[in-house]
Amino acid sequence: MYCVYVLLCADMSLYTGITNNLERRFEEHKNKKGGRYTRSHIAKKIIYIEEQMTKSAALKREKQIKGWPREKKIKVLNLVKLIN
């Protein structure tokens, strides 16, 4: 099982990724060993998780979400309360 996740960073930016081990991946982000983006934008908390059956499905969904502007991510993923 894979999941697509969205992180809220300390500068209030959003980071979207996929993993099959969310706890490990979040620790990597917090310790600046995750994605390049979170090395310079400190990961604060996970604000969205969506399970996918396959890696392929997770990658497709990640690409879709990453293509959305910030406002659409907040609205469609219902993140308003989580980023305030």
PDB file of N, CA and C in Angstrom:
ATOM      1  N   MET A   1       0.843  -1.180   0.000  1.00  0.00           N
ATOM      2  CA  MET A   1       0.000   0.000   0.000  1.00  0.00           C
ATOM      3  C   MET A   1       0.892   1.248   0.000  1.00  0.00           C
ATOM      4  N   TYR A   2       0.572   2.167  -0.854  1.00  0.00           N
ATOM      5  CA  TYR A   2       1.279   3.444  -0.928  1.00  0.00           C
ATOM      6  C   TYR A   2       0.332   4.547  -0.500  1.00  0.00           C
ATOM      7  N   CYS A   3       0.885   5.668  -0.125  1.00  0.00           N
ATOM      8  CA  CYS A   3       0.040   6.808   0.173  1.00  0.00           C
ATOM      9  C   CYS A   3       0.641   8.074  -0.416  1.00  0.00           C
ATOM     10  N   VAL A   4      -0.254   8.956  -0.773  1.00  0.00           N
ATOM     11  CA  VAL A   4       0.102  10.298  -1.200  1.00  0.00           C
ATOM     12  C   VAL A   4      -0.085  11.163   0.038  1.00  0.00           C
ATOM     13  N   TYR A   5       0.858  12.048   0.308  1.00  0.00           N
ATOM     14  CA  TYR A   5       0.746  12.885   1.493  1.00  0.00           C
ATOM     15  C   TYR A   5       1.094  14.322   1.154  1.00  0.00           C
ATOM     16  N   VAL A   6       0.585  15.225   1.975  1.00  0.00           N
ATOM     17  CA  VAL A   6       0.897  16.640   1.853  1.00  0.00           C
ATOM     18  C   VAL A   6       1.437  17.093   3.202  1.00  0.00           C
ATOM     19  N   LEU A   7       2.586  17.746   3.152  1.00  0.00           N
ATOM     20  CA  LEU A   7       3.202  18.301   4.357  1.00  0.00           C
ATOM     21  C   LEU A   7       3.001  19.807   4.398  1.00  0.00           C
ATOM     22  N   LEU A   8       2.821  20.327   5.587  1.00  0.00           N
ATOM     23  CA  LEU A   8       2.864  21.764   5.811  1.00  0.00           C
ATOM     24  C   LEU A   8       4.262  22.082   6.308  1.00  0.00           C
ATOM     25  N   CYS A   9       4.920  23.011   5.637  1.00  0.00           N
ATOM     26  CA  CYS A   9       6.279  23.392   6.031  1.00  0.00           C
ATOM     27  C   CYS A   9       6.230  24.625   6.927  1.00  0.00           C
ATOM     28  N   ALA A  10       7.329  24.888   7.620  1.00  0.00           N
ATOM     29  CA  ALA A  10       7.398  25.988   8.572  1.00  0.00           C
ATOM     30  C   ALA A  10       7.088  27.344   7.933  1.00  0.00           C
ATOM     31  N   ASP A  11       7.399  27.492   6.653  1.00  0.00           N
ATOM     32  CA  ASP A  11       7.118  28.749   5.952  1.00  0.00           C
ATOM     33  C   ASP A  11       5.714  28.779   5.349  1.00  0.00           C
ATOM     34  N   MET A  12       4.869  27.815   5.748  1.00  0.00           N
ATOM     35  CA  MET A  12       3.480  27.669   5.312  1.00  0.00           C
ATOM     36  C   MET A  12       3.342  27.172   3.871  1.00  0.00           C
ATOM     37  N   SER A  13       4.429  26.734   3.269  1.00  0.00           N
ATOM     38  CA  SER A  13       4.346  26.137   1.941  1.00  0.00           C
ATOM     39  C   SER A  13       3.878  24.685   2.081  1.00  0.00           C
ATOM     40  N   LEU A  14       3.442  24.107   0.963  1.00  0.00           N
ATOM     41  CA  LEU A  14       2.946  22.736   0.948  1.00  0.00           C
ATOM     42  C   LEU A  14       3.876  21.869   0.110  1.00  0.00           C
ATOM     43  N   TYR A  15       4.122  20.656   0.580  1.00  0.00           N
ATOM     44  CA  TYR A  15       4.945  19.680  -0.142  1.00  0.00           C
ATOM     45  C   TYR A  15       4.121  18.412  -0.322  1.00  0.00           C
ATOM     46  N   THR A  16       4.098  17.884  -1.533  1.00  0.00           N
ATOM     47  CA  THR A  16       3.354  16.663  -1.826  1.00  0.00           C
ATOM     48  C   THR A  16       4.321  15.560  -2.223  1.00  0.00           C
ATOM     49  N   GLY A  17       4.119  14.355  -1.688  1.00  0.00           N
ATOM     50  CA  GLY A  17       4.979  13.225  -2.020  1.00  0.00           C
ATOM     51  C   GLY A  17       4.237  11.910  -1.884  1.00  0.00           C
ATOM     52  N   ILE A  18       4.947  10.809  -2.159  1.00  0.00           N
ATOM     53  CA  ILE A  18       4.382   9.467  -1.968  1.00  0.00           C
ATOM     54  C   ILE A  18       5.367   8.628  -1.164  1.00  0.00           C
ATOM     55  N   THR A  19       4.839   7.597  -0.524  1.00  0.00           N
ATOM     56  CA  THR A  19       5.682   6.673   0.231  1.00  0.00           C
ATOM     57  C   THR A  19       4.895   5.399   0.539  1.00  0.00           C
ATOM     58  N   ASN A  20       5.629   4.370   0.936  1.00  0.00           N
ATOM     59  CA  ASN A  20       4.969   3.168   1.448  1.00  0.00           C
ATOM     60  C   ASN A  20       5.248   3.015   2.948  1.00  0.00           C
ATOM     61  N   ASN A  21       5.906   4.015   3.545  1.00  0.00           N
ATOM     62  CA  ASN A  21       6.178   4.031   4.981  1.00  0.00           C
ATOM     63  C   ASN A  21       6.155   5.489   5.441  1.00  0.00           C
ATOM     64  N   LEU A  22       4.993   5.972   5.830  1.00  0.00           N
ATOM     65  CA  LEU A  22       4.808   7.390   6.128  1.00  0.00           C
ATOM     66  C   LEU A  22       5.627   7.871   7.324  1.00  0.00           C
ATOM     67  N   GLU A  23       5.694   7.077   8.375  1.00  0.00           N
ATOM     68  CA  GLU A  23       6.463   7.488   9.559  1.00  0.00           C
ATOM     69  C   GLU A  23       7.935   7.695   9.216  1.00  0.00           C
ATOM     70  N   ARG A  24       8.524   6.725   8.516  1.00  0.00           N
ATOM     71  CA  ARG A  24       9.935   6.829   8.121  1.00  0.00           C
ATOM     72  C   ARG A  24      10.161   8.033   7.221  1.00  0.00           C
ATOM     73  N   ARG A  25       9.277   8.208   6.255  1.00  0.00           N
ATOM     74  CA  ARG A  25       9.450   9.302   5.300  1.00  0.00           C
ATOM     75  C   ARG A  25       9.325  10.658   5.972  1.00  0.00           C
ATOM     76  N   PHE A  26       8.392  10.801   6.907  1.00  0.00           N
ATOM     77  CA  PHE A  26       8.253  12.073   7.614  1.00  0.00           C
ATOM     78  C   PHE A  26       9.493  12.365   8.448  1.00  0.00           C
ATOM     79  N   GLU A  27      10.046  11.349   9.091  1.00  0.00           N
ATOM     80  CA  GLU A  27      11.288  11.534   9.845  1.00  0.00           C
ATOM     81  C   GLU A  27      12.427  11.975   8.918  1.00  0.00           C
ATOM     82  N   GLU A  28      12.485  11.400   7.729  1.00  0.00           N
ATOM     83  CA  GLU A  28      13.499  11.814   6.753  1.00  0.00           C
ATOM     84  C   GLU A  28      13.329  13.290   6.399  1.00  0.00           C
ATOM     85  N   HIS A  29      12.096  13.700   6.185  1.00  0.00           N
ATOM     86  CA  HIS A  29      11.848  15.112   5.873  1.00  0.00           C
ATOM     87  C   HIS A  29      12.259  16.001   7.043  1.00  0.00           C
ATOM     88  N   LYS A  30      11.882  15.625   8.255  1.00  0.00           N
ATOM     89  CA  LYS A  30      12.221  16.438   9.431  1.00  0.00           C
ATOM     90  C   LYS A  30      13.721  16.531   9.638  1.00  0.00           C
ATOM     91  N   ASN A  31      14.449  15.471   9.292  1.00  0.00           N
ATOM     92  CA  ASN A  31      15.898  15.438   9.471  1.00  0.00           C
ATOM     93  C   ASN A  31      16.659  15.876   8.228  1.00  0.00           C
ATOM     94  N   LYS A  32      15.942  16.503   7.291  1.00  0.00           N
ATOM     95  CA  LYS A  32      16.530  17.042   6.056  1.00  0.00           C
ATOM     96  C   LYS A  32      17.195  15.979   5.198  1.00  0.00           C
ATOM     97  N   LYS A  33      16.660  14.760   5.235  1.00  0.00           N
ATOM     98  CA  LYS A  33      17.164  13.664   4.410  1.00  0.00           C
ATOM     99  C   LYS A  33      16.099  13.232   3.401  1.00  0.00           C
ATOM    100  N   GLY A  34      14.983  13.955   3.368  1.00  0.00           N
ATOM    101  CA  GLY A  34      13.890  13.631   2.453  1.00  0.00           C
ATOM    102  C   GLY A  34      14.120  14.301   1.113  1.00  0.00           C
ATOM    103  N   GLY A  35      13.063  14.806   0.539  1.00  0.00           N
ATOM    104  CA  GLY A  35      13.150  15.478  -0.755  1.00  0.00           C
ATOM    105  C   GLY A  35      13.967  16.758  -0.683  1.00  0.00           C
ATOM    106  N   ARG A  36      14.462  17.167  -1.818  1.00  0.00           N
ATOM    107  CA  ARG A  36      15.283  18.384  -1.893  1.00  0.00           C
ATOM    108  C   ARG A  36      14.530  19.592  -1.343  1.00  0.00           C
ATOM    109  N   TYR A  37      13.250  19.680  -1.652  1.00  0.00           N
ATOM    110  CA  TYR A  37      12.452  20.827  -1.217  1.00  0.00           C
ATOM    111  C   TYR A  37      12.439  20.946   0.303  1.00  0.00           C
ATOM    112  N   THR A  38      12.256  19.833   1.005  1.00  0.00           N
ATOM    113  CA  THR A  38      12.145  19.900   2.465  1.00  0.00           C
ATOM    114  C   THR A  38      13.494  20.036   3.161  1.00  0.00           C
ATOM    115  N   ARG A  39      14.567  20.025   2.419  1.00  0.00           N
ATOM    116  CA  ARG A  39      15.862  20.339   3.038  1.00  0.00           C
ATOM    117  C   ARG A  39      15.951  21.821   3.340  1.00  0.00           C
ATOM    118  N   SER A  40      15.278  22.637   2.536  1.00  0.00           N
ATOM    119  CA  SER A  40      15.314  24.084   2.759  1.00  0.00           C
ATOM    120  C   SER A  40      13.993  24.645   3.283  1.00  0.00           C
ATOM    121  N   HIS A  41      12.943  23.847   3.265  1.00  0.00           N
ATOM    122  CA  HIS A  41      11.635  24.240   3.788  1.00  0.00           C
ATOM    123  C   HIS A  41      11.265  23.208   4.861  1.00  0.00           C
ATOM    124  N   ILE A  42      11.491  23.553   6.100  1.00  0.00           N
ATOM    125  CA  ILE A  42      11.375  22.611   7.210  1.00  0.00           C
ATOM    126  C   ILE A  42       9.968  22.015   7.313  1.00  0.00           C
ATOM    127  N   ALA A  43       9.903  20.684   7.287  1.00  0.00           N
ATOM    128  CA  ALA A  43       8.621  19.971   7.395  1.00  0.00           C
ATOM    129  C   ALA A  43       8.080  20.118   8.810  1.00  0.00           C
ATOM    130  N   LYS A  44       6.852  20.609   8.917  1.00  0.00           N
ATOM    131  CA  LYS A  44       6.241  20.858  10.213  1.00  0.00           C
ATOM    132  C   LYS A  44       5.280  19.726  10.604  1.00  0.00           C
ATOM    133  N   LYS A  45       4.331  19.400   9.694  1.00  0.00           N
ATOM    134  CA  LYS A  45       3.381  18.333  10.004  1.00  0.00           C
ATOM    135  C   LYS A  45       2.731  17.800   8.731  1.00  0.00           C
ATOM    136  N   ILE A  46       2.220  16.583   8.855  1.00  0.00           N
ATOM    137  CA  ILE A  46       1.477  15.953   7.772  1.00  0.00           C
ATOM    138  C   ILE A  46       0.040  16.451   7.888  1.00  0.00           C
ATOM    139  N   ILE A  47      -0.481  17.013   6.793  1.00  0.00           N
ATOM    140  CA  ILE A  47      -1.842  17.550   6.861  1.00  0.00           C
ATOM    141  C   ILE A  47      -2.828  16.816   5.954  1.00  0.00           C
ATOM    142  N   TYR A  48      -2.321  15.879   5.141  1.00  0.00           N
ATOM    143  CA  TYR A  48      -3.220  15.130   4.261  1.00  0.00           C
ATOM    144  C   TYR A  48      -2.584  13.799   3.911  1.00  0.00           C
ATOM    145  N   ILE A  49      -3.393  12.749   3.950  1.00  0.00           N
ATOM    146  CA  ILE A  49      -2.944  11.400   3.571  1.00  0.00           C
ATOM    147  C   ILE A  49      -4.045  10.765   2.738  1.00  0.00           C
ATOM    148  N   GLU A  50      -3.634  10.154   1.645  1.00  0.00           N
ATOM    149  CA  GLU A  50      -4.575   9.458   0.769  1.00  0.00           C
ATOM    150  C   GLU A  50      -3.953   8.132   0.358  1.00  0.00           C
ATOM    151  N   GLU A  51      -4.566   7.032   0.723  1.00  0.00           N
ATOM    152  CA  GLU A  51      -4.026   5.712   0.384  1.00  0.00           C
ATOM    153  C   GLU A  51      -4.306   5.359  -1.065  1.00  0.00           C
ATOM    154  N   GLN A  52      -3.338   4.681  -1.677  1.00  0.00           N
ATOM    155  CA  GLN A  52      -3.453   4.186  -3.052  1.00  0.00           C
ATOM    156  C   GLN A  52      -3.014   2.731  -3.056  1.00  0.00           C
ATOM    157  N   MET A  53      -3.631   1.933  -3.889  1.00  0.00           N
ATOM    158  CA  MET A  53      -3.340   0.496  -3.921  1.00  0.00           C
ATOM    159  C   MET A  53      -1.974   0.177  -4.526  1.00  0.00           C
ATOM    160  N   THR A  54      -1.528   0.970  -5.496  1.00  0.00           N
ATOM    161  CA  THR A  54      -0.268   0.672  -6.181  1.00  0.00           C
ATOM    162  C   THR A  54       0.621   1.902  -6.230  1.00  0.00           C
ATOM    163  N   LYS A  55       1.890   1.667  -6.460  1.00  0.00           N
ATOM    164  CA  LYS A  55       2.828   2.774  -6.612  1.00  0.00           C
ATOM    165  C   LYS A  55       2.465   3.617  -7.825  1.00  0.00           C
ATOM    166  N   SER A  56       2.063   2.957  -8.883  1.00  0.00           N
ATOM    167  CA  SER A  56       1.667   3.656 -10.105  1.00  0.00           C
ATOM    168  C   SER A  56       0.503   4.608  -9.840  1.00  0.00           C
ATOM    169  N   ALA A  57      -0.501   4.143  -9.125  1.00  0.00           N
ATOM    170  CA  ALA A  57      -1.656   4.985  -8.802  1.00  0.00           C
ATOM    171  C   ALA A  57      -1.238   6.154  -7.923  1.00  0.00           C
ATOM    172  N   ALA A  58      -0.347   5.898  -6.975  1.00  0.00           N
ATOM    173  CA  ALA A  58       0.136   6.959  -6.089  1.00  0.00           C
ATOM    174  C   ALA A  58       0.911   8.011  -6.875  1.00  0.00           C
ATOM    175  N   LEU A  59       1.760   7.576  -7.792  1.00  0.00           N
ATOM    176  CA  LEU A  59       2.530   8.509  -8.609  1.00  0.00           C
ATOM    177  C   LEU A  59       1.624   9.378  -9.478  1.00  0.00           C
ATOM    178  N   LYS A  60       0.590   8.777 -10.037  1.00  0.00           N
ATOM    179  CA  LYS A  60      -0.359   9.535 -10.868  1.00  0.00           C
ATOM    180  C   LYS A  60      -1.087  10.582 -10.036  1.00  0.00           C
ATOM    181  N   ARG A  61      -1.528  10.192  -8.842  1.00  0.00           N
ATOM    182  CA  ARG A  61      -2.248  11.133  -7.980  1.00  0.00           C
ATOM    183  C   ARG A  61      -1.318  12.239  -7.492  1.00  0.00           C
ATOM    184  N   GLU A  62      -0.080  11.889  -7.142  1.00  0.00           N
ATOM    185  CA  GLU A  62       0.901  12.894  -6.715  1.00  0.00           C
ATOM    186  C   GLU A  62       1.095  13.922  -7.824  1.00  0.00           C
ATOM    187  N   LYS A  63       1.274  13.460  -9.038  1.00  0.00           N
ATOM    188  CA  LYS A  63       1.480  14.369 -10.165  1.00  0.00           C
ATOM    189  C   LYS A  63       0.272  15.279 -10.345  1.00  0.00           C
ATOM    190  N   GLN A  64      -0.921  14.722 -10.207  1.00  0.00           N
ATOM    191  CA  GLN A  64      -2.137  15.526 -10.333  1.00  0.00           C
ATOM    192  C   GLN A  64      -2.171  16.634  -9.280  1.00  0.00           C
ATOM    193  N   ILE A  65      -1.941  16.260  -8.022  1.00  0.00           N
ATOM    194  CA  ILE A  65      -1.991  17.237  -6.929  1.00  0.00           C
ATOM    195  C   ILE A  65      -0.888  18.285  -7.082  1.00  0.00           C
ATOM    196  N   LYS A  66       0.311  17.857  -7.435  1.00  0.00           N
ATOM    197  CA  LYS A  66       1.410  18.813  -7.613  1.00  0.00           C
ATOM    198  C   LYS A  66       1.128  19.821  -8.720  1.00  0.00           C
ATOM    199  N   GLY A  67       0.288  19.450  -9.677  1.00  0.00           N
ATOM    200  CA  GLY A  67      -0.049  20.340 -10.772  1.00  0.00           C
ATOM    201  C   GLY A  67      -1.069  21.412 -10.408  1.00  0.00           C
ATOM    202  N   TRP A  68      -1.709  21.260  -9.274  1.00  0.00           N
ATOM    203  CA  TRP A  68      -2.714  22.218  -8.850  1.00  0.00           C
ATOM    204  C   TRP A  68      -2.067  23.434  -8.201  1.00  0.00           C
ATOM    205  N   PRO A  69      -2.651  24.613  -8.367  1.00  0.00           N
ATOM    206  CA  PRO A  69      -2.176  25.775  -7.605  1.00  0.00           C
ATOM    207  C   PRO A  69      -2.504  25.584  -6.120  1.00  0.00           C
ATOM    208  N   ARG A  70      -1.817  26.290  -5.274  1.00  0.00           N
ATOM    209  CA  ARG A  70      -1.983  26.179  -3.821  1.00  0.00           C
ATOM    210  C   ARG A  70      -3.452  26.287  -3.403  1.00  0.00           C
ATOM    211  N   GLU A  71      -4.161  27.275  -3.950  1.00  0.00           N
ATOM    212  CA  GLU A  71      -5.553  27.505  -3.573  1.00  0.00           C
ATOM    213  C   GLU A  71      -6.430  26.290  -3.872  1.00  0.00           C
ATOM    214  N   LYS A  72      -6.185  25.633  -4.999  1.00  0.00           N
ATOM    215  CA  LYS A  72      -6.970  24.453  -5.348  1.00  0.00           C
ATOM    216  C   LYS A  72      -6.646  23.294  -4.404  1.00  0.00           C
ATOM    217  N   LYS A  73      -5.371  23.130  -4.050  1.00  0.00           N
ATOM    218  CA  LYS A  73      -4.998  22.075  -3.092  1.00  0.00           C
ATOM    219  C   LYS A  73      -5.748  22.280  -1.782  1.00  0.00           C
ATOM    220  N   ILE A  74      -5.748  23.518  -1.297  1.00  0.00           N
ATOM    221  CA  ILE A  74      -6.403  23.826  -0.029  1.00  0.00           C
ATOM    222  C   ILE A  74      -7.897  23.538  -0.108  1.00  0.00           C
ATOM    223  N   LYS A  75      -8.527  23.928  -1.208  1.00  0.00           N
ATOM    224  CA  LYS A  75      -9.966  23.743  -1.358  1.00  0.00           C
ATOM    225  C   LYS A  75     -10.340  22.275  -1.589  1.00  0.00           C
ATOM    226  N   VAL A  76      -9.733  21.646  -2.573  1.00  0.00           N
ATOM    227  CA  VAL A  76     -10.112  20.281  -2.949  1.00  0.00           C
ATOM    228  C   VAL A  76      -9.752  19.269  -1.861  1.00  0.00           C
ATOM    229  N   LEU A  77      -8.614  19.442  -1.233  1.00  0.00           N
ATOM    230  CA  LEU A  77      -8.177  18.490  -0.199  1.00  0.00           C
ATOM    231  C   LEU A  77      -8.693  18.881   1.187  1.00  0.00           C
ATOM    232  N   ASN A  78      -9.470  19.957   1.264  1.00  0.00           N
ATOM    233  CA  ASN A  78     -10.078  20.402   2.512  1.00  0.00           C
ATOM    234  C   ASN A  78      -9.024  20.673   3.592  1.00  0.00           C
ATOM    235  N   LEU A  79      -8.047  21.508   3.253  1.00  0.00           N
ATOM    236  CA  LEU A  79      -6.914  21.770   4.146  1.00  0.00           C
ATOM    237  C   LEU A  79      -7.051  23.085   4.927  1.00  0.00           C
ATOM    238  N   VAL A  80      -8.130  23.811   4.731  1.00  0.00           N
ATOM    239  CA  VAL A  80      -8.267  25.145   5.311  1.00  0.00           C
ATOM    240  C   VAL A  80      -7.995  25.147   6.809  1.00  0.00           C
ATOM    241  N   LYS A  81      -8.648  24.286   7.554  1.00  0.00           N
ATOM    242  CA  LYS A  81      -8.491  24.263   9.018  1.00  0.00           C
ATOM    243  C   LYS A  81      -7.100  23.789   9.438  1.00  0.00           C
ATOM    244  N   LEU A  82      -6.448  23.007   8.599  1.00  0.00           N
ATOM    245  CA  LEU A  82      -5.168  22.414   8.969  1.00  0.00           C
ATOM    246  C   LEU A  82      -3.980  23.335   8.778  1.00  0.00           C
ATOM    247  N   ILE A  83      -4.133  24.364   7.938  1.00  0.00           N
ATOM    248  CA  ILE A  83      -2.994  25.244   7.701  1.00  0.00           C
ATOM    249  C   ILE A  83      -3.090  26.531   8.518  1.00  0.00           C
ATOM    250  N   ASN A  84      -4.183  26.710   9.227  1.00  0.00           N
ATOM    251  CA  ASN A  84      -4.344  27.915  10.063  1.00  0.00           C
ATOM    252  C   ASN A  84      -3.969  27.635  11.492  1.00  0.00           C
TER     253      ASN A  84
END
